[in-house]
Every structure is written in structure tokens, then in C-alpha cells.
Amino acid sequence: MNQTFVDAMSLVHIVVGIGFGLFRVPLWLTLAIATAWEVAEHVLKLRFPQAFVFPSQDSLANATGDVLCAGLGWVMAGWISRASGRRRARRTAP
């Protein structure tokens, strides 16, 4: 865990990206927050490893993958918004 480009925890980053996207947080800010979290996570794992389910440090590849997964989630939120908007428009049409 935390050594490959994507792992099980990458799903969490996708979900967070979807949340940011649905709340219309800009992509650049979503990626900045995801990057800041990866840095904070590294520091927190050094000080409080017992607070994490997987206390091993993330590899650079994994941290990069997590940030990109947050971006992918943000893009998916756009797809979700457009798809739900189309469905609503069809139901309200006479």
C-alpha cells in the first residue's frame, strides 16, 4: 500500500474530487488542495503514524497518482452534473 501509482486509497481521492467538482470548486484549487494534503499527510505520518490505517509513507508515484485521481474525480463530477441536468430537462419538458 502507498507504493504503487494507484491503490485502494486512490478511490477516496476520486470521491473527494467528485465532491469538490459537485460543489463547483475550481479544478486548480482542487489540485492545490490535493497536493497540500499529500504534503501534510507526509508530515503527519512522521509525527503521528498511529493515526493512519496505512502508516507507511507514500511513494512519489503514489502521491502523484492520488492528486491525479482527485482531478479525475473532478472531471467525473462534470459528467455527473451534465447527465443529471439532461435528465431533469427531459422530465420537465411538455
N, C-alpha and C. Protein backbone atom coordinates (compact mmCIF):
# COMPACT_ATOMS: atom_id res chain seq x y z
N MET A 1 0.86 -1.18 0.00
CA MET A 1 0.00 0.00 0.00
C MET A 1 0.90 1.24 0.00
N ASN A 2 0.47 2.27 -0.68
CA ASN A 2 1.17 3.56 -0.76
C ASN A 2 2.44 3.54 -1.60
N GLN A 3 2.68 2.46 -2.34
CA GLN A 3 3.90 2.40 -3.13
C GLN A 3 3.64 2.39 -4.63
N THR A 4 2.44 2.01 -5.05
CA THR A 4 2.11 1.96 -6.47
C THR A 4 1.43 3.25 -6.90
N PHE A 5 1.32 3.45 -8.22
CA PHE A 5 0.73 4.69 -8.74
C PHE A 5 -0.70 4.88 -8.23
N VAL A 6 -1.50 3.83 -8.28
CA VAL A 6 -2.84 3.86 -7.69
C VAL A 6 -3.00 2.65 -6.77
N ASP A 7 -3.80 2.83 -5.73
CA ASP A 7 -4.09 1.76 -4.79
C ASP A 7 -5.51 1.94 -4.29
N ALA A 8 -5.89 1.17 -3.31
CA ALA A 8 -7.27 1.24 -2.81
C ALA A 8 -7.62 2.63 -2.29
N MET A 9 -6.69 3.33 -1.69
CA MET A 9 -6.96 4.66 -1.16
C MET A 9 -7.14 5.70 -2.27
N SER A 10 -6.74 5.37 -3.49
CA SER A 10 -6.95 6.29 -4.60
C SER A 10 -8.44 6.50 -4.85
N LEU A 11 -9.26 5.51 -4.52
CA LEU A 11 -10.71 5.66 -4.65
C LEU A 11 -11.22 6.80 -3.77
N VAL A 12 -10.64 6.94 -2.59
CA VAL A 12 -11.02 8.04 -1.69
C VAL A 12 -10.73 9.37 -2.36
N HIS A 13 -9.59 9.47 -3.03
CA HIS A 13 -9.23 10.71 -3.71
C HIS A 13 -10.18 11.01 -4.87
N ILE A 14 -10.64 9.98 -5.56
CA ILE A 14 -11.61 10.18 -6.63
C ILE A 14 -12.92 10.73 -6.05
N VAL A 15 -13.37 10.14 -4.94
CA VAL A 15 -14.62 10.59 -4.30
C VAL A 15 -14.49 12.04 -3.83
N VAL A 16 -13.35 12.37 -3.26
CA VAL A 16 -13.12 13.76 -2.82
C VAL A 16 -13.14 14.70 -4.03
N GLY A 17 -12.52 14.29 -5.13
CA GLY A 17 -12.55 15.10 -6.34
C GLY A 17 -13.96 15.29 -6.86
N ILE A 18 -14.78 14.24 -6.79
CA ILE A 18 -16.18 14.36 -7.21
C ILE A 18 -16.90 15.37 -6.32
N GLY A 19 -16.65 15.28 -5.01
CA GLY A 19 -17.28 16.22 -4.09
C GLY A 19 -16.90 17.66 -4.39
N PHE A 20 -15.61 17.91 -4.60
CA PHE A 20 -15.18 19.27 -4.94
C PHE A 20 -15.80 19.73 -6.25
N GLY A 21 -15.86 18.83 -7.22
CA GLY A 21 -16.45 19.20 -8.51
C GLY A 21 -17.93 19.51 -8.41
N LEU A 22 -18.66 18.70 -7.63
CA LEU A 22 -20.09 18.95 -7.49
C LEU A 22 -20.38 20.25 -6.74
N PHE A 23 -19.45 20.64 -5.85
CA PHE A 23 -19.61 21.91 -5.14
C PHE A 23 -18.95 23.06 -5.90
N ARG A 24 -18.58 22.79 -7.15
CA ARG A 24 -18.05 23.79 -8.07
C ARG A 24 -16.77 24.46 -7.60
N VAL A 25 -15.93 23.70 -6.90
CA VAL A 25 -14.59 24.18 -6.56
C VAL A 25 -13.78 24.11 -7.86
N PRO A 26 -13.06 25.17 -8.23
CA PRO A 26 -12.30 25.14 -9.48
C PRO A 26 -11.26 24.01 -9.49
N LEU A 27 -10.96 23.51 -10.68
CA LEU A 27 -10.01 22.41 -10.82
C LEU A 27 -8.65 22.77 -10.22
N TRP A 28 -8.17 23.97 -10.50
CA TRP A 28 -6.85 24.35 -10.00
C TRP A 28 -6.82 24.31 -8.47
N LEU A 29 -7.91 24.73 -7.83
CA LEU A 29 -7.96 24.72 -6.37
C LEU A 29 -8.09 23.29 -5.84
N THR A 30 -8.84 22.46 -6.54
CA THR A 30 -8.96 21.04 -6.16
C THR A 30 -7.59 20.39 -6.19
N LEU A 31 -6.83 20.62 -7.25
CA LEU A 31 -5.49 20.03 -7.35
C LEU A 31 -4.53 20.61 -6.31
N ALA A 32 -4.67 21.91 -6.02
CA ALA A 32 -3.82 22.53 -5.00
C ALA A 32 -4.11 21.94 -3.62
N ILE A 33 -5.38 21.74 -3.30
CA ILE A 33 -5.76 21.16 -2.01
C ILE A 33 -5.27 19.72 -1.93
N ALA A 34 -5.42 18.95 -3.02
CA ALA A 34 -4.96 17.57 -3.02
C ALA A 34 -3.44 17.50 -2.83
N THR A 35 -2.72 18.40 -3.47
CA THR A 35 -1.26 18.44 -3.31
C THR A 35 -0.88 18.83 -1.89
N ALA A 36 -1.55 19.83 -1.35
CA ALA A 36 -1.28 20.25 0.04
C ALA A 36 -1.57 19.12 1.00
N TRP A 37 -2.64 18.36 0.74
CA TRP A 37 -2.95 17.22 1.62
C TRP A 37 -1.83 16.18 1.56
N GLU A 38 -1.29 15.91 0.38
CA GLU A 38 -0.21 14.92 0.27
C GLU A 38 1.02 15.35 1.08
N VAL A 39 1.32 16.64 1.05
CA VAL A 39 2.45 17.15 1.85
C VAL A 39 2.12 17.04 3.34
N ALA A 40 0.92 17.47 3.73
CA ALA A 40 0.51 17.39 5.14
C ALA A 40 0.47 15.94 5.61
N GLU A 41 -0.01 15.04 4.75
CA GLU A 41 -0.07 13.62 5.11
C GLU A 41 1.33 13.08 5.40
N HIS A 42 2.30 13.47 4.60
CA HIS A 42 3.68 13.03 4.81
C HIS A 42 4.18 13.48 6.19
N VAL A 43 3.95 14.74 6.52
CA VAL A 43 4.40 15.28 7.81
C VAL A 43 3.66 14.60 8.96
N LEU A 44 2.34 14.45 8.81
CA LEU A 44 1.55 13.83 9.87
C LEU A 44 1.94 12.37 10.09
N LYS A 45 2.27 11.67 9.03
CA LYS A 45 2.69 10.27 9.19
C LYS A 45 4.03 10.16 9.90
N LEU A 46 4.87 11.18 9.77
CA LEU A 46 6.13 11.19 10.52
C LEU A 46 5.88 11.40 12.00
N ARG A 47 4.93 12.29 12.33
CA ARG A 47 4.68 12.62 13.74
C ARG A 47 3.68 11.70 14.42
N PHE A 48 2.64 11.30 13.71
CA PHE A 48 1.56 10.51 14.30
C PHE A 48 1.21 9.29 13.44
N PRO A 49 2.13 8.37 13.25
CA PRO A 49 1.84 7.23 12.36
C PRO A 49 0.66 6.37 12.84
N GLN A 50 0.42 6.32 14.14
CA GLN A 50 -0.67 5.52 14.67
C GLN A 50 -2.04 6.05 14.28
N ALA A 51 -2.13 7.27 13.79
CA ALA A 51 -3.41 7.87 13.40
C ALA A 51 -3.86 7.42 12.01
N PHE A 52 -3.02 6.67 11.30
CA PHE A 52 -3.32 6.28 9.93
C PHE A 52 -3.52 4.77 9.82
N VAL A 53 -4.46 4.39 8.97
CA VAL A 53 -4.71 2.97 8.72
C VAL A 53 -3.48 2.33 8.07
N PHE A 54 -2.88 3.05 7.12
CA PHE A 54 -1.66 2.59 6.45
C PHE A 54 -0.56 3.62 6.74
N PRO A 55 0.21 3.41 7.81
CA PRO A 55 1.17 4.44 8.23
C PRO A 55 2.44 4.55 7.38
N SER A 56 2.63 3.65 6.41
CA SER A 56 3.84 3.76 5.59
C SER A 56 3.76 5.03 4.73
N GLN A 57 4.92 5.60 4.47
CA GLN A 57 4.97 6.82 3.66
C GLN A 57 4.59 6.52 2.22
N ASP A 58 3.91 7.47 1.59
CA ASP A 58 3.55 7.34 0.18
C ASP A 58 4.80 7.51 -0.68
N SER A 59 4.89 6.73 -1.75
CA SER A 59 5.94 6.96 -2.72
C SER A 59 5.56 8.20 -3.55
N LEU A 60 6.52 8.76 -4.24
CA LEU A 60 6.23 9.91 -5.09
C LEU A 60 5.21 9.53 -6.16
N ALA A 61 5.34 8.33 -6.70
CA ALA A 61 4.38 7.86 -7.71
C ALA A 61 2.97 7.79 -7.12
N ASN A 62 2.84 7.31 -5.88
CA ASN A 62 1.53 7.19 -5.26
C ASN A 62 0.93 8.56 -4.96
N ALA A 63 1.74 9.48 -4.46
CA ALA A 63 1.25 10.82 -4.17
C ALA A 63 0.78 11.50 -5.46
N THR A 64 1.54 11.32 -6.54
CA THR A 64 1.16 11.87 -7.83
C THR A 64 -0.14 11.24 -8.33
N GLY A 65 -0.25 9.95 -8.19
CA GLY A 65 -1.47 9.25 -8.58
C GLY A 65 -2.68 9.72 -7.79
N ASP A 66 -2.49 9.96 -6.49
CA ASP A 66 -3.60 10.43 -5.66
C ASP A 66 -4.09 11.81 -6.10
N VAL A 67 -3.16 12.69 -6.42
CA VAL A 67 -3.54 14.04 -6.88
C VAL A 67 -4.27 13.94 -8.23
N LEU A 68 -3.75 13.10 -9.12
CA LEU A 68 -4.40 12.94 -10.42
C LEU A 68 -5.78 12.27 -10.28
N CYS A 69 -5.93 11.38 -9.30
CA CYS A 69 -7.24 10.76 -9.05
C CYS A 69 -8.24 11.81 -8.56
N ALA A 70 -7.78 12.76 -7.76
CA ALA A 70 -8.67 13.85 -7.34
C ALA A 70 -9.11 14.66 -8.56
N GLY A 71 -8.18 14.90 -9.48
CA GLY A 71 -8.54 15.60 -10.71
C GLY A 71 -9.51 14.80 -11.56
N LEU A 72 -9.31 13.49 -11.63
CA LEU A 72 -10.23 12.62 -12.37
C LEU A 72 -11.62 12.68 -11.75
N GLY A 73 -11.68 12.66 -10.42
CA GLY A 73 -12.97 12.77 -9.75
C GLY A 73 -13.66 14.08 -10.08
N TRP A 74 -12.88 15.16 -10.16
CA TRP A 74 -13.44 16.47 -10.50
C TRP A 74 -14.05 16.43 -11.90
N VAL A 75 -13.35 15.80 -12.85
CA VAL A 75 -13.87 15.66 -14.21
C VAL A 75 -15.14 14.81 -14.20
N MET A 76 -15.13 13.74 -13.43
CA MET A 76 -16.32 12.87 -13.33
C MET A 76 -17.52 13.65 -12.78
N ALA A 77 -17.27 14.58 -11.87
CA ALA A 77 -18.36 15.40 -11.33
C ALA A 77 -19.02 16.21 -12.44
N GLY A 78 -18.23 16.68 -13.38
CA GLY A 78 -18.79 17.40 -14.53
C GLY A 78 -19.69 16.50 -15.36
N TRP A 79 -19.25 15.26 -15.56
CA TRP A 79 -20.08 14.31 -16.30
C TRP A 79 -21.38 14.04 -15.55
N ILE A 80 -21.28 13.87 -14.24
CA ILE A 80 -22.46 13.61 -13.42
C ILE A 80 -23.42 14.79 -13.49
N SER A 81 -22.90 16.00 -13.37
CA SER A 81 -23.74 17.19 -13.42
C SER A 81 -24.46 17.32 -14.77
N ARG A 82 -23.71 17.11 -15.84
CA ARG A 82 -24.32 17.22 -17.17
C ARG A 82 -25.36 16.14 -17.39
N ALA A 83 -25.08 14.93 -16.95
CA ALA A 83 -26.02 13.82 -17.14
C ALA A 83 -27.29 14.05 -16.33
N SER A 84 -27.16 14.51 -15.11
CA SER A 84 -28.35 14.74 -14.29
C SER A 84 -29.12 15.96 -14.80
N GLY A 85 -28.46 16.94 -15.35
CA GLY A 85 -29.13 18.10 -15.92
C GLY A 85 -29.95 17.74 -17.14
N ARG A 86 -29.42 16.85 -17.96
CA ARG A 86 -30.15 16.42 -19.16
C ARG A 86 -31.40 15.64 -18.77
N ARG A 87 -31.27 14.78 -17.77
CA ARG A 87 -32.43 14.00 -17.35
C ARG A 87 -33.51 14.90 -16.80
N ARG A 88 -33.11 15.88 -15.99
CA ARG A 88 -34.11 16.80 -15.42
C ARG A 88 -34.80 17.60 -16.52
N ALA A 89 -34.04 18.03 -17.53
CA ALA A 89 -34.62 18.83 -18.61
C ALA A 89 -35.64 18.01 -19.38
N ARG A 90 -35.39 16.74 -19.60
CA ARG A 90 -36.34 15.91 -20.33
C ARG A 90 -37.62 15.70 -19.53
N ARG A 91 -37.51 15.52 -18.22
CA ARG A 91 -38.70 15.29 -17.41
C ARG A 91 -39.59 16.51 -17.32
N THR A 92 -39.00 17.71 -17.34
CA THR A 92 -39.80 18.92 -17.18
C THR A 92 -40.35 19.45 -18.51
N ALA A 93 -39.88 18.89 -19.61
CA ALA A 93 -40.36 19.35 -20.92
C ALA A 93 -41.81 18.87 -21.14
N PRO A 94 -42.64 19.70 -21.80
CA PRO A 94 -44.05 19.30 -22.02
C PRO A 94 -44.20 18.17 -23.01
